[in-house]
PDBML (XML) file of the C-alpha atoms, coordinates in Angstrom:
<?xml version="1.0" encoding="UTF-8" ?>
<PDBx:datablock datablockName="MODEL"
   xmlns:PDBx="http://pdbml.pdb.org/schema/pdbx-v50.xsd"
   xmlns:xsi="http://www.w3.org/2001/XMLSchema-instance"
   xsi:schemaLocation="http://pdbml.pdb.org/schema/pdbx-v50.xsd pdbx-v50.xsd">
   <PDBx:atom_siteCategory>
      <PDBx:atom_site id="1">
         <PDBx:B_iso_or_equiv>0.00</PDBx:B_iso_or_equiv>
         <PDBx:Cartn_x>7.563</PDBx:Cartn_x>
         <PDBx:Cartn_y>7.627</PDBx:Cartn_y>
         <PDBx:Cartn_z>-0.906</PDBx:Cartn_z>
         <PDBx:auth_asym_id>A</PDBx:auth_asym_id>
         <PDBx:auth_atom_id>CA</PDBx:auth_atom_id>
         <PDBx:auth_comp_id>TYR</PDBx:auth_comp_id>
         <PDBx:auth_seq_id>1</PDBx:auth_seq_id>
         <PDBx:group_PDB>ATOM</PDBx:group_PDB>
         <PDBx:label_alt_id xsi:nil="true" />
         <PDBx:label_asym_id>A</PDBx:label_asym_id>
         <PDBx:label_atom_id>CA</PDBx:label_atom_id>
         <PDBx:label_comp_id>TYR</PDBx:label_comp_id>
         <PDBx:label_entity_id>1</PDBx:label_entity_id>
         <PDBx:label_seq_id>1</PDBx:label_seq_id>
         <PDBx:occupancy>1.00</PDBx:occupancy>
         <PDBx:pdbx_PDB_model_num>1</PDBx:pdbx_PDB_model_num>
         <PDBx:type_symbol>C</PDBx:type_symbol>
      </PDBx:atom_site>
      <PDBx:atom_site id="2">
         <PDBx:B_iso_or_equiv>0.00</PDBx:B_iso_or_equiv>
         <PDBx:Cartn_x>6.819</PDBx:Cartn_x>
         <PDBx:Cartn_y>4.629</PDBx:Cartn_y>
         <PDBx:Cartn_z>1.309</PDBx:Cartn_z>
         <PDBx:auth_asym_id>A</PDBx:auth_asym_id>
         <PDBx:auth_atom_id>CA</PDBx:auth_atom_id>
         <PDBx:auth_comp_id>LYS</PDBx:auth_comp_id>
         <PDBx:auth_seq_id>2</PDBx:auth_seq_id>
         <PDBx:group_PDB>ATOM</PDBx:group_PDB>
         <PDBx:label_alt_id xsi:nil="true" />
         <PDBx:label_asym_id>A</PDBx:label_asym_id>
         <PDBx:label_atom_id>CA</PDBx:label_atom_id>
         <PDBx:label_comp_id>LYS</PDBx:label_comp_id>
         <PDBx:label_entity_id>1</PDBx:label_entity_id>
         <PDBx:label_seq_id>2</PDBx:label_seq_id>
         <PDBx:occupancy>1.00</PDBx:occupancy>
         <PDBx:pdbx_PDB_model_num>1</PDBx:pdbx_PDB_model_num>
         <PDBx:type_symbol>C</PDBx:type_symbol>
      </PDBx:atom_site>
      <PDBx:atom_site id="3">
         <PDBx:B_iso_or_equiv>0.00</PDBx:B_iso_or_equiv>
         <PDBx:Cartn_x>9.279</PDBx:Cartn_x>
         <PDBx:Cartn_y>1.906</PDBx:Cartn_y>
         <PDBx:Cartn_z>2.214</PDBx:Cartn_z>
         <PDBx:auth_asym_id>A</PDBx:auth_asym_id>
         <PDBx:auth_atom_id>CA</PDBx:auth_atom_id>
         <PDBx:auth_comp_id>GLY</PDBx:auth_comp_id>
         <PDBx:auth_seq_id>3</PDBx:auth_seq_id>
         <PDBx:group_PDB>ATOM</PDBx:group_PDB>
         <PDBx:label_alt_id xsi:nil="true" />
         <PDBx:label_asym_id>A</PDBx:label_asym_id>
         <PDBx:label_atom_id>CA</PDBx:label_atom_id>
         <PDBx:label_comp_id>GLY</PDBx:label_comp_id>
         <PDBx:label_entity_id>1</PDBx:label_entity_id>
         <PDBx:label_seq_id>3</PDBx:label_seq_id>
         <PDBx:occupancy>1.00</PDBx:occupancy>
         <PDBx:pdbx_PDB_model_num>1</PDBx:pdbx_PDB_model_num>
         <PDBx:type_symbol>C</PDBx:type_symbol>
      </PDBx:atom_site>
      <PDBx:atom_site id="4">
         <PDBx:B_iso_or_equiv>0.00</PDBx:B_iso_or_equiv>
         <PDBx:Cartn_x>11.980</PDBx:Cartn_x>
         <PDBx:Cartn_y>3.985</PDBx:Cartn_y>
         <PDBx:Cartn_z>3.882</PDBx:Cartn_z>
         <PDBx:auth_asym_id>A</PDBx:auth_asym_id>
         <PDBx:auth_atom_id>CA</PDBx:auth_atom_id>
         <PDBx:auth_comp_id>TYR</PDBx:auth_comp_id>
         <PDBx:auth_seq_id>4</PDBx:auth_seq_id>
         <PDBx:group_PDB>ATOM</PDBx:group_PDB>
         <PDBx:label_alt_id xsi:nil="true" />
         <PDBx:label_asym_id>A</PDBx:label_asym_id>
         <PDBx:label_atom_id>CA</PDBx:label_atom_id>
         <PDBx:label_comp_id>TYR</PDBx:label_comp_id>
         <PDBx:label_entity_id>1</PDBx:label_entity_id>
         <PDBx:label_seq_id>4</PDBx:label_seq_id>
         <PDBx:occupancy>1.00</PDBx:occupancy>
         <PDBx:pdbx_PDB_model_num>1</PDBx:pdbx_PDB_model_num>
         <PDBx:type_symbol>C</PDBx:type_symbol>
      </PDBx:atom_site>
      <PDBx:atom_site id="5">
         <PDBx:B_iso_or_equiv>0.00</PDBx:B_iso_or_equiv>
         <PDBx:Cartn_x>13.477</PDBx:Cartn_x>
         <PDBx:Cartn_y>3.115</PDBx:Cartn_y>
         <PDBx:Cartn_z>7.260</PDBx:Cartn_z>
         <PDBx:auth_asym_id>A</PDBx:auth_asym_id>
         <PDBx:auth_atom_id>CA</PDBx:auth_atom_id>
         <PDBx:auth_comp_id>ASP</PDBx:auth_comp_id>
         <PDBx:auth_seq_id>5</PDBx:auth_seq_id>
         <PDBx:group_PDB>ATOM</PDBx:group_PDB>
         <PDBx:label_alt_id xsi:nil="true" />
         <PDBx:label_asym_id>A</PDBx:label_asym_id>
         <PDBx:label_atom_id>CA</PDBx:label_atom_id>
         <PDBx:label_comp_id>ASP</PDBx:label_comp_id>
         <PDBx:label_entity_id>1</PDBx:label_entity_id>
         <PDBx:label_seq_id>5</PDBx:label_seq_id>
         <PDBx:occupancy>1.00</PDBx:occupancy>
         <PDBx:pdbx_PDB_model_num>1</PDBx:pdbx_PDB_model_num>
         <PDBx:type_symbol>C</PDBx:type_symbol>
      </PDBx:atom_site>
      <PDBx:atom_site id="6">
         <PDBx:B_iso_or_equiv>0.00</PDBx:B_iso_or_equiv>
         <PDBx:Cartn_x>13.362</PDBx:Cartn_x>
         <PDBx:Cartn_y>6.746</PDBx:Cartn_y>
         <PDBx:Cartn_z>8.386</PDBx:Cartn_z>
         <PDBx:auth_asym_id>A</PDBx:auth_asym_id>
         <PDBx:auth_atom_id>CA</PDBx:auth_atom_id>
         <PDBx:auth_comp_id>TYR</PDBx:auth_comp_id>
         <PDBx:auth_seq_id>6</PDBx:auth_seq_id>
         <PDBx:group_PDB>ATOM</PDBx:group_PDB>
         <PDBx:label_alt_id xsi:nil="true" />
         <PDBx:label_asym_id>A</PDBx:label_asym_id>
         <PDBx:label_atom_id>CA</PDBx:label_atom_id>
         <PDBx:label_comp_id>TYR</PDBx:label_comp_id>
         <PDBx:label_entity_id>1</PDBx:label_entity_id>
         <PDBx:label_seq_id>6</PDBx:label_seq_id>
         <PDBx:occupancy>1.00</PDBx:occupancy>
         <PDBx:pdbx_PDB_model_num>1</PDBx:pdbx_PDB_model_num>
         <PDBx:type_symbol>C</PDBx:type_symbol>
      </PDBx:atom_site>
      <PDBx:atom_site id="7">
         <PDBx:B_iso_or_equiv>0.00</PDBx:B_iso_or_equiv>
         <PDBx:Cartn_x>12.323</PDBx:Cartn_x>
         <PDBx:Cartn_y>10.182</PDBx:Cartn_y>
         <PDBx:Cartn_z>7.149</PDBx:Cartn_z>
         <PDBx:auth_asym_id>A</PDBx:auth_asym_id>
         <PDBx:auth_atom_id>CA</PDBx:auth_atom_id>
         <PDBx:auth_comp_id>TYR</PDBx:auth_comp_id>
         <PDBx:auth_seq_id>7</PDBx:auth_seq_id>
         <PDBx:group_PDB>ATOM</PDBx:group_PDB>
         <PDBx:label_alt_id xsi:nil="true" />
         <PDBx:label_asym_id>A</PDBx:label_asym_id>
         <PDBx:label_atom_id>CA</PDBx:label_atom_id>
         <PDBx:label_comp_id>TYR</PDBx:label_comp_id>
         <PDBx:label_entity_id>1</PDBx:label_entity_id>
         <PDBx:label_seq_id>7</PDBx:label_seq_id>
         <PDBx:occupancy>1.00</PDBx:occupancy>
         <PDBx:pdbx_PDB_model_num>1</PDBx:pdbx_PDB_model_num>
         <PDBx:type_symbol>C</PDBx:type_symbol>
      </PDBx:atom_site>
      <PDBx:atom_site id="8">
         <PDBx:B_iso_or_equiv>0.00</PDBx:B_iso_or_equiv>
         <PDBx:Cartn_x>14.198</PDBx:Cartn_x>
         <PDBx:Cartn_y>13.474</PDBx:Cartn_y>
         <PDBx:Cartn_z>7.367</PDBx:Cartn_z>
         <PDBx:auth_asym_id>A</PDBx:auth_asym_id>
         <PDBx:auth_atom_id>CA</PDBx:auth_atom_id>
         <PDBx:auth_comp_id>ILE</PDBx:auth_comp_id>
         <PDBx:auth_seq_id>8</PDBx:auth_seq_id>
         <PDBx:group_PDB>ATOM</PDBx:group_PDB>
         <PDBx:label_alt_id xsi:nil="true" />
         <PDBx:label_asym_id>A</PDBx:label_asym_id>
         <PDBx:label_atom_id>CA</PDBx:label_atom_id>
         <PDBx:label_comp_id>ILE</PDBx:label_comp_id>
         <PDBx:label_entity_id>1</PDBx:label_entity_id>
         <PDBx:label_seq_id>8</PDBx:label_seq_id>
         <PDBx:occupancy>1.00</PDBx:occupancy>
         <PDBx:pdbx_PDB_model_num>1</PDBx:pdbx_PDB_model_num>
         <PDBx:type_symbol>C</PDBx:type_symbol>
      </PDBx:atom_site>
      <PDBx:atom_site id="9">
         <PDBx:B_iso_or_equiv>0.00</PDBx:B_iso_or_equiv>
         <PDBx:Cartn_x>12.740</PDBx:Cartn_x>
         <PDBx:Cartn_y>16.858</PDBx:Cartn_y>
         <PDBx:Cartn_z>6.594</PDBx:Cartn_z>
         <PDBx:auth_asym_id>A</PDBx:auth_asym_id>
         <PDBx:auth_atom_id>CA</PDBx:auth_atom_id>
         <PDBx:auth_comp_id>GLY</PDBx:auth_comp_id>
         <PDBx:auth_seq_id>9</PDBx:auth_seq_id>
         <PDBx:group_PDB>ATOM</PDBx:group_PDB>
         <PDBx:label_alt_id xsi:nil="true" />
         <PDBx:label_asym_id>A</PDBx:label_asym_id>
         <PDBx:label_atom_id>CA</PDBx:label_atom_id>
         <PDBx:label_comp_id>GLY</PDBx:label_comp_id>
         <PDBx:label_entity_id>1</PDBx:label_entity_id>
         <PDBx:label_seq_id>9</PDBx:label_seq_id>
         <PDBx:occupancy>1.00</PDBx:occupancy>
         <PDBx:pdbx_PDB_model_num>1</PDBx:pdbx_PDB_model_num>
         <PDBx:type_symbol>C</PDBx:type_symbol>
      </PDBx:atom_site>
      <PDBx:atom_site id="10">
         <PDBx:B_iso_or_equiv>0.00</PDBx:B_iso_or_equiv>
         <PDBx:Cartn_x>13.423</PDBx:Cartn_x>
         <PDBx:Cartn_y>20.545</PDBx:Cartn_y>
         <PDBx:Cartn_z>6.941</PDBx:Cartn_z>
         <PDBx:auth_asym_id>A</PDBx:auth_asym_id>
         <PDBx:auth_atom_id>CA</PDBx:auth_atom_id>
         <PDBx:auth_comp_id>SER</PDBx:auth_comp_id>
         <PDBx:auth_seq_id>10</PDBx:auth_seq_id>
         <PDBx:group_PDB>ATOM</PDBx:group_PDB>
         <PDBx:label_alt_id xsi:nil="true" />
         <PDBx:label_asym_id>A</PDBx:label_asym_id>
         <PDBx:label_atom_id>CA</PDBx:label_atom_id>
         <PDBx:label_comp_id>SER</PDBx:label_comp_id>
         <PDBx:label_entity_id>1</PDBx:label_entity_id>
         <PDBx:label_seq_id>10</PDBx:label_seq_id>
         <PDBx:occupancy>1.00</PDBx:occupancy>
         <PDBx:pdbx_PDB_model_num>1</PDBx:pdbx_PDB_model_num>
         <PDBx:type_symbol>C</PDBx:type_symbol>
      </PDBx:atom_site>
      <PDBx:atom_site id="11">
         <PDBx:B_iso_or_equiv>0.00</PDBx:B_iso_or_equiv>
         <PDBx:Cartn_x>10.659</PDBx:Cartn_x>
         <PDBx:Cartn_y>23.155</PDBx:Cartn_y>
         <PDBx:Cartn_z>7.303</PDBx:Cartn_z>
         <PDBx:auth_asym_id>A</PDBx:auth_asym_id>
         <PDBx:auth_atom_id>CA</PDBx:auth_atom_id>
         <PDBx:auth_comp_id>SER</PDBx:auth_comp_id>
         <PDBx:auth_seq_id>11</PDBx:auth_seq_id>
         <PDBx:group_PDB>ATOM</PDBx:group_PDB>
         <PDBx:label_alt_id xsi:nil="true" />
         <PDBx:label_asym_id>A</PDBx:label_asym_id>
         <PDBx:label_atom_id>CA</PDBx:label_atom_id>
         <PDBx:label_comp_id>SER</PDBx:label_comp_id>
         <PDBx:label_entity_id>1</PDBx:label_entity_id>
         <PDBx:label_seq_id>11</PDBx:label_seq_id>
         <PDBx:occupancy>1.00</PDBx:occupancy>
         <PDBx:pdbx_PDB_model_num>1</PDBx:pdbx_PDB_model_num>
         <PDBx:type_symbol>C</PDBx:type_symbol>
      </PDBx:atom_site>
      <PDBx:atom_site id="12">
         <PDBx:B_iso_or_equiv>0.00</PDBx:B_iso_or_equiv>
         <PDBx:Cartn_x>7.870</PDBx:Cartn_x>
         <PDBx:Cartn_y>22.152</PDBx:Cartn_y>
         <PDBx:Cartn_z>4.865</PDBx:Cartn_z>
         <PDBx:auth_asym_id>A</PDBx:auth_asym_id>
         <PDBx:auth_atom_id>CA</PDBx:auth_atom_id>
         <PDBx:auth_comp_id>MET</PDBx:auth_comp_id>
         <PDBx:auth_seq_id>12</PDBx:auth_seq_id>
         <PDBx:group_PDB>ATOM</PDBx:group_PDB>
         <PDBx:label_alt_id xsi:nil="true" />
         <PDBx:label_asym_id>A</PDBx:label_asym_id>
         <PDBx:label_atom_id>CA</PDBx:label_atom_id>
         <PDBx:label_comp_id>MET</PDBx:label_comp_id>
         <PDBx:label_entity_id>1</PDBx:label_entity_id>
         <PDBx:label_seq_id>12</PDBx:label_seq_id>
         <PDBx:occupancy>1.00</PDBx:occupancy>
         <PDBx:pdbx_PDB_model_num>1</PDBx:pdbx_PDB_model_num>
         <PDBx:type_symbol>C</PDBx:type_symbol>
      </PDBx:atom_site>
      <PDBx:atom_site id="13">
         <PDBx:B_iso_or_equiv>0.00</PDBx:B_iso_or_equiv>
         <PDBx:Cartn_x>9.875</PDBx:Cartn_x>
         <PDBx:Cartn_y>18.993</PDBx:Cartn_y>
         <PDBx:Cartn_z>4.207</PDBx:Cartn_z>
         <PDBx:auth_asym_id>A</PDBx:auth_asym_id>
         <PDBx:auth_atom_id>CA</PDBx:auth_atom_id>
         <PDBx:auth_comp_id>GLY</PDBx:auth_comp_id>
         <PDBx:auth_seq_id>13</PDBx:auth_seq_id>
         <PDBx:group_PDB>ATOM</PDBx:group_PDB>
         <PDBx:label_alt_id xsi:nil="true" />
         <PDBx:label_asym_id>A</PDBx:label_asym_id>
         <PDBx:label_atom_id>CA</PDBx:label_atom_id>
         <PDBx:label_comp_id>GLY</PDBx:label_comp_id>
         <PDBx:label_entity_id>1</PDBx:label_entity_id>
         <PDBx:label_seq_id>13</PDBx:label_seq_id>
         <PDBx:occupancy>1.00</PDBx:occupancy>
         <PDBx:pdbx_PDB_model_num>1</PDBx:pdbx_PDB_model_num>
         <PDBx:type_symbol>C</PDBx:type_symbol>
      </PDBx:atom_site>
      <PDBx:atom_site id="14">
         <PDBx:B_iso_or_equiv>0.00</PDBx:B_iso_or_equiv>
         <PDBx:Cartn_x>9.649</PDBx:Cartn_x>
         <PDBx:Cartn_y>18.361</PDBx:Cartn_y>
         <PDBx:Cartn_z>7.957</PDBx:Cartn_z>
         <PDBx:auth_asym_id>A</PDBx:auth_asym_id>
         <PDBx:auth_atom_id>CA</PDBx:auth_atom_id>
         <PDBx:auth_comp_id>GLY</PDBx:auth_comp_id>
         <PDBx:auth_seq_id>14</PDBx:auth_seq_id>
         <PDBx:group_PDB>ATOM</PDBx:group_PDB>
         <PDBx:label_alt_id xsi:nil="true" />
         <PDBx:label_asym_id>A</PDBx:label_asym_id>
         <PDBx:label_atom_id>CA</PDBx:label_atom_id>
         <PDBx:label_comp_id>GLY</PDBx:label_comp_id>
         <PDBx:label_entity_id>1</PDBx:label_entity_id>
         <PDBx:label_seq_id>14</PDBx:label_seq_id>
         <PDBx:occupancy>1.00</PDBx:occupancy>
         <PDBx:pdbx_PDB_model_num>1</PDBx:pdbx_PDB_model_num>
         <PDBx:type_symbol>C</PDBx:type_symbol>
      </PDBx:atom_site>
      <PDBx:atom_site id="15">
         <PDBx:B_iso_or_equiv>0.00</PDBx:B_iso_or_equiv>
         <PDBx:Cartn_x>5.871</PDBx:Cartn_x>
         <PDBx:Cartn_y>18.479</PDBx:Cartn_y>
         <PDBx:Cartn_z>7.660</PDBx:Cartn_z>
         <PDBx:auth_asym_id>A</PDBx:auth_asym_id>
         <PDBx:auth_atom_id>CA</PDBx:auth_atom_id>
         <PDBx:auth_comp_id>TYR</PDBx:auth_comp_id>
         <PDBx:auth_seq_id>15</PDBx:auth_seq_id>
         <PDBx:group_PDB>ATOM</PDBx:group_PDB>
         <PDBx:label_alt_id xsi:nil="true" />
         <PDBx:label_asym_id>A</PDBx:label_asym_id>
         <PDBx:label_atom_id>CA</PDBx:label_atom_id>
         <PDBx:label_comp_id>TYR</PDBx:label_comp_id>
         <PDBx:label_entity_id>1</PDBx:label_entity_id>
         <PDBx:label_seq_id>15</PDBx:label_seq_id>
         <PDBx:occupancy>1.00</PDBx:occupancy>
         <PDBx:pdbx_PDB_model_num>1</PDBx:pdbx_PDB_model_num>
         <PDBx:type_symbol>C</PDBx:type_symbol>
      </PDBx:atom_site>
      <PDBx:atom_site id="16">
         <PDBx:B_iso_or_equiv>0.00</PDBx:B_iso_or_equiv>
         <PDBx:Cartn_x>5.959</PDBx:Cartn_x>
         <PDBx:Cartn_y>15.878</PDBx:Cartn_y>
         <PDBx:Cartn_z>4.896</PDBx:Cartn_z>
         <PDBx:auth_asym_id>A</PDBx:auth_asym_id>
         <PDBx:auth_atom_id>CA</PDBx:auth_atom_id>
         <PDBx:auth_comp_id>LEU</PDBx:auth_comp_id>
         <PDBx:auth_seq_id>16</PDBx:auth_seq_id>
         <PDBx:group_PDB>ATOM</PDBx:group_PDB>
         <PDBx:label_alt_id xsi:nil="true" />
         <PDBx:label_asym_id>A</PDBx:label_asym_id>
         <PDBx:label_atom_id>CA</PDBx:label_atom_id>
         <PDBx:label_comp_id>LEU</PDBx:label_comp_id>
         <PDBx:label_entity_id>1</PDBx:label_entity_id>
         <PDBx:label_seq_id>16</PDBx:label_seq_id>
         <PDBx:occupancy>1.00</PDBx:occupancy>
         <PDBx:pdbx_PDB_model_num>1</PDBx:pdbx_PDB_model_num>
         <PDBx:type_symbol>C</PDBx:type_symbol>
      </PDBx:atom_site>
      <PDBx:atom_site id="17">
         <PDBx:B_iso_or_equiv>0.00</PDBx:B_iso_or_equiv>
         <PDBx:Cartn_x>8.558</PDBx:Cartn_x>
         <PDBx:Cartn_y>13.727</PDBx:Cartn_y>
         <PDBx:Cartn_z>6.686</PDBx:Cartn_z>
         <PDBx:auth_asym_id>A</PDBx:auth_asym_id>
         <PDBx:auth_atom_id>CA</PDBx:auth_atom_id>
         <PDBx:auth_comp_id>ALA</PDBx:auth_comp_id>
         <PDBx:auth_seq_id>17</PDBx:auth_seq_id>
         <PDBx:group_PDB>ATOM</PDBx:group_PDB>
         <PDBx:label_alt_id xsi:nil="true" />
         <PDBx:label_asym_id>A</PDBx:label_asym_id>
         <PDBx:label_atom_id>CA</PDBx:label_atom_id>
         <PDBx:label_comp_id>ALA</PDBx:label_comp_id>
         <PDBx:label_entity_id>1</PDBx:label_entity_id>
         <PDBx:label_seq_id>17</PDBx:label_seq_id>
         <PDBx:occupancy>1.00</PDBx:occupancy>
         <PDBx:pdbx_PDB_model_num>1</PDBx:pdbx_PDB_model_num>
         <PDBx:type_symbol>C</PDBx:type_symbol>
      </PDBx:atom_site>
      <PDBx:atom_site id="18">
         <PDBx:B_iso_or_equiv>0.00</PDBx:B_iso_or_equiv>
         <PDBx:Cartn_x>6.566</PDBx:Cartn_x>
         <PDBx:Cartn_y>13.814</PDBx:Cartn_y>
         <PDBx:Cartn_z>9.926</PDBx:Cartn_z>
         <PDBx:auth_asym_id>A</PDBx:auth_asym_id>
         <PDBx:auth_atom_id>CA</PDBx:auth_atom_id>
         <PDBx:auth_comp_id>PHE</PDBx:auth_comp_id>
         <PDBx:auth_seq_id>18</PDBx:auth_seq_id>
         <PDBx:group_PDB>ATOM</PDBx:group_PDB>
         <PDBx:label_alt_id xsi:nil="true" />
         <PDBx:label_asym_id>A</PDBx:label_asym_id>
         <PDBx:label_atom_id>CA</PDBx:label_atom_id>
         <PDBx:label_comp_id>PHE</PDBx:label_comp_id>
         <PDBx:label_entity_id>1</PDBx:label_entity_id>
         <PDBx:label_seq_id>18</PDBx:label_seq_id>
         <PDBx:occupancy>1.00</PDBx:occupancy>
         <PDBx:pdbx_PDB_model_num>1</PDBx:pdbx_PDB_model_num>
         <PDBx:type_symbol>C</PDBx:type_symbol>
      </PDBx:atom_site>
      <PDBx:atom_site id="19">
         <PDBx:B_iso_or_equiv>0.00</PDBx:B_iso_or_equiv>
         <PDBx:Cartn_x>3.303</PDBx:Cartn_x>
         <PDBx:Cartn_y>12.583</PDBx:Cartn_y>
         <PDBx:Cartn_z>8.422</PDBx:Cartn_z>
         <PDBx:auth_asym_id>A</PDBx:auth_asym_id>
         <PDBx:auth_atom_id>CA</PDBx:auth_atom_id>
         <PDBx:auth_comp_id>TYR</PDBx:auth_comp_id>
         <PDBx:auth_seq_id>19</PDBx:auth_seq_id>
         <PDBx:group_PDB>ATOM</PDBx:group_PDB>
         <PDBx:label_alt_id xsi:nil="true" />
         <PDBx:label_asym_id>A</PDBx:label_asym_id>
         <PDBx:label_atom_id>CA</PDBx:label_atom_id>
         <PDBx:label_comp_id>TYR</PDBx:label_comp_id>
         <PDBx:label_entity_id>1</PDBx:label_entity_id>
         <PDBx:label_seq_id>19</PDBx:label_seq_id>
         <PDBx:occupancy>1.00</PDBx:occupancy>
         <PDBx:pdbx_PDB_model_num>1</PDBx:pdbx_PDB_model_num>
         <PDBx:type_symbol>C</PDBx:type_symbol>
      </PDBx:atom_site>
      <PDBx:atom_site id="20">
         <PDBx:B_iso_or_equiv>0.00</PDBx:B_iso_or_equiv>
         <PDBx:Cartn_x>5.076</PDBx:Cartn_x>
         <PDBx:Cartn_y>9.974</PDBx:Cartn_y>
         <PDBx:Cartn_z>6.278</PDBx:Cartn_z>
         <PDBx:auth_asym_id>A</PDBx:auth_asym_id>
         <PDBx:auth_atom_id>CA</PDBx:auth_atom_id>
         <PDBx:auth_comp_id>MET</PDBx:auth_comp_id>
         <PDBx:auth_seq_id>20</PDBx:auth_seq_id>
         <PDBx:group_PDB>ATOM</PDBx:group_PDB>
         <PDBx:label_alt_id xsi:nil="true" />
         <PDBx:label_asym_id>A</PDBx:label_asym_id>
         <PDBx:label_atom_id>CA</PDBx:label_atom_id>
         <PDBx:label_comp_id>MET</PDBx:label_comp_id>
         <PDBx:label_entity_id>1</PDBx:label_entity_id>
         <PDBx:label_seq_id>20</PDBx:label_seq_id>
         <PDBx:occupancy>1.00</PDBx:occupancy>
         <PDBx:pdbx_PDB_model_num>1</PDBx:pdbx_PDB_model_num>
         <PDBx:type_symbol>C</PDBx:type_symbol>
      </PDBx:atom_site>
      <PDBx:atom_site id="21">
         <PDBx:B_iso_or_equiv>0.00</PDBx:B_iso_or_equiv>
         <PDBx:Cartn_x>6.932</PDBx:Cartn_x>
         <PDBx:Cartn_y>8.640</PDBx:Cartn_y>
         <PDBx:Cartn_z>9.326</PDBx:Cartn_z>
         <PDBx:auth_asym_id>A</PDBx:auth_asym_id>
         <PDBx:auth_atom_id>CA</PDBx:auth_atom_id>
         <PDBx:auth_comp_id>ALA</PDBx:auth_comp_id>
         <PDBx:auth_seq_id>21</PDBx:auth_seq_id>
         <PDBx:group_PDB>ATOM</PDBx:group_PDB>
         <PDBx:label_alt_id xsi:nil="true" />
         <PDBx:label_asym_id>A</PDBx:label_asym_id>
         <PDBx:label_atom_id>CA</PDBx:label_atom_id>
         <PDBx:label_comp_id>ALA</PDBx:label_comp_id>
         <PDBx:label_entity_id>1</PDBx:label_entity_id>
         <PDBx:label_seq_id>21</PDBx:label_seq_id>
         <PDBx:occupancy>1.00</PDBx:occupancy>
         <PDBx:pdbx_PDB_model_num>1</PDBx:pdbx_PDB_model_num>
         <PDBx:type_symbol>C</PDBx:type_symbol>
      </PDBx:atom_site>
      <PDBx:atom_site id="22">
         <PDBx:B_iso_or_equiv>0.00</PDBx:B_iso_or_equiv>
         <PDBx:Cartn_x>3.822</PDBx:Cartn_x>
         <PDBx:Cartn_y>8.602</PDBx:Cartn_y>
         <PDBx:Cartn_z>11.525</PDBx:Cartn_z>
         <PDBx:auth_asym_id>A</PDBx:auth_asym_id>
         <PDBx:auth_atom_id>CA</PDBx:auth_atom_id>
         <PDBx:auth_comp_id>MET</PDBx:auth_comp_id>
         <PDBx:auth_seq_id>22</PDBx:auth_seq_id>
         <PDBx:group_PDB>ATOM</PDBx:group_PDB>
         <PDBx:label_alt_id xsi:nil="true" />
         <PDBx:label_asym_id>A</PDBx:label_asym_id>
         <PDBx:label_atom_id>CA</PDBx:label_atom_id>
         <PDBx:label_comp_id>MET</PDBx:label_comp_id>
         <PDBx:label_entity_id>1</PDBx:label_entity_id>
         <PDBx:label_seq_id>22</PDBx:label_seq_id>
         <PDBx:occupancy>1.00</PDBx:occupancy>
         <PDBx:pdbx_PDB_model_num>1</PDBx:pdbx_PDB_model_num>
         <PDBx:type_symbol>C</PDBx:type_symbol>
      </PDBx:atom_site>
      <PDBx:atom_site id="23">
         <PDBx:B_iso_or_equiv>0.00</PDBx:B_iso_or_equiv>
         <PDBx:Cartn_x>1.846</PDBx:Cartn_x>
         <PDBx:Cartn_y>6.736</PDBx:Cartn_y>
         <PDBx:Cartn_z>8.847</PDBx:Cartn_z>
         <PDBx:auth_asym_id>A</PDBx:auth_asym_id>
         <PDBx:auth_atom_id>CA</PDBx:auth_atom_id>
         <PDBx:auth_comp_id>ARG</PDBx:auth_comp_id>
         <PDBx:auth_seq_id>23</PDBx:auth_seq_id>
         <PDBx:group_PDB>ATOM</PDBx:group_PDB>
         <PDBx:label_alt_id xsi:nil="true" />
         <PDBx:label_asym_id>A</PDBx:label_asym_id>
         <PDBx:label_atom_id>CA</PDBx:label_atom_id>
         <PDBx:label_comp_id>ARG</PDBx:label_comp_id>
         <PDBx:label_entity_id>1</PDBx:label_entity_id>
         <PDBx:label_seq_id>23</PDBx:label_seq_id>
         <PDBx:occupancy>1.00</PDBx:occupancy>
         <PDBx:pdbx_PDB_model_num>1</PDBx:pdbx_PDB_model_num>
         <PDBx:type_symbol>C</PDBx:type_symbol>
      </PDBx:atom_site>
      <PDBx:atom_site id="24">
         <PDBx:B_iso_or_equiv>0.00</PDBx:B_iso_or_equiv>
         <PDBx:Cartn_x>4.683</PDBx:Cartn_x>
         <PDBx:Cartn_y>4.220</PDBx:Cartn_y>
         <PDBx:Cartn_z>8.319</PDBx:Cartn_z>
         <PDBx:auth_asym_id>A</PDBx:auth_asym_id>
         <PDBx:auth_atom_id>CA</PDBx:auth_atom_id>
         <PDBx:auth_comp_id>ALA</PDBx:auth_comp_id>
         <PDBx:auth_seq_id>24</PDBx:auth_seq_id>
         <PDBx:group_PDB>ATOM</PDBx:group_PDB>
         <PDBx:label_alt_id xsi:nil="true" />
         <PDBx:label_asym_id>A</PDBx:label_asym_id>
         <PDBx:label_atom_id>CA</PDBx:label_atom_id>
         <PDBx:label_comp_id>ALA</PDBx:label_comp_id>
         <PDBx:label_entity_id>1</PDBx:label_entity_id>
         <PDBx:label_seq_id>24</PDBx:label_seq_id>
         <PDBx:occupancy>1.00</PDBx:occupancy>
         <PDBx:pdbx_PDB_model_num>1</PDBx:pdbx_PDB_model_num>
         <PDBx:type_symbol>C</PDBx:type_symbol>
      </PDBx:atom_site>
      <PDBx:atom_site id="25">
         <PDBx:B_iso_or_equiv>0.00</PDBx:B_iso_or_equiv>
         <PDBx:Cartn_x>5.571</PDBx:Cartn_x>
         <PDBx:Cartn_y>3.882</PDBx:Cartn_y>
         <PDBx:Cartn_z>12.002</PDBx:Cartn_z>
         <PDBx:auth_asym_id>A</PDBx:auth_asym_id>
         <PDBx:auth_atom_id>CA</PDBx:auth_atom_id>
         <PDBx:auth_comp_id>GLY</PDBx:auth_comp_id>
         <PDBx:auth_seq_id>25</PDBx:auth_seq_id>
         <PDBx:group_PDB>ATOM</PDBx:group_PDB>
         <PDBx:label_alt_id xsi:nil="true" />
         <PDBx:label_asym_id>A</PDBx:label_asym_id>
         <PDBx:label_atom_id>CA</PDBx:label_atom_id>
         <PDBx:label_comp_id>GLY</PDBx:label_comp_id>
         <PDBx:label_entity_id>1</PDBx:label_entity_id>
         <PDBx:label_seq_id>25</PDBx:label_seq_id>
         <PDBx:occupancy>1.00</PDBx:occupancy>
         <PDBx:pdbx_PDB_model_num>1</PDBx:pdbx_PDB_model_num>
         <PDBx:type_symbol>C</PDBx:type_symbol>
      </PDBx:atom_site>
   </PDBx:atom_siteCategory>
</PDBx:datablock>
């Protein structure tokens, strides 16, 4: 799931979105 300009997530999806966004900057 890399290569996105931003990540959105709700609840557990927020957990996934957070770490993806932090890794991708």
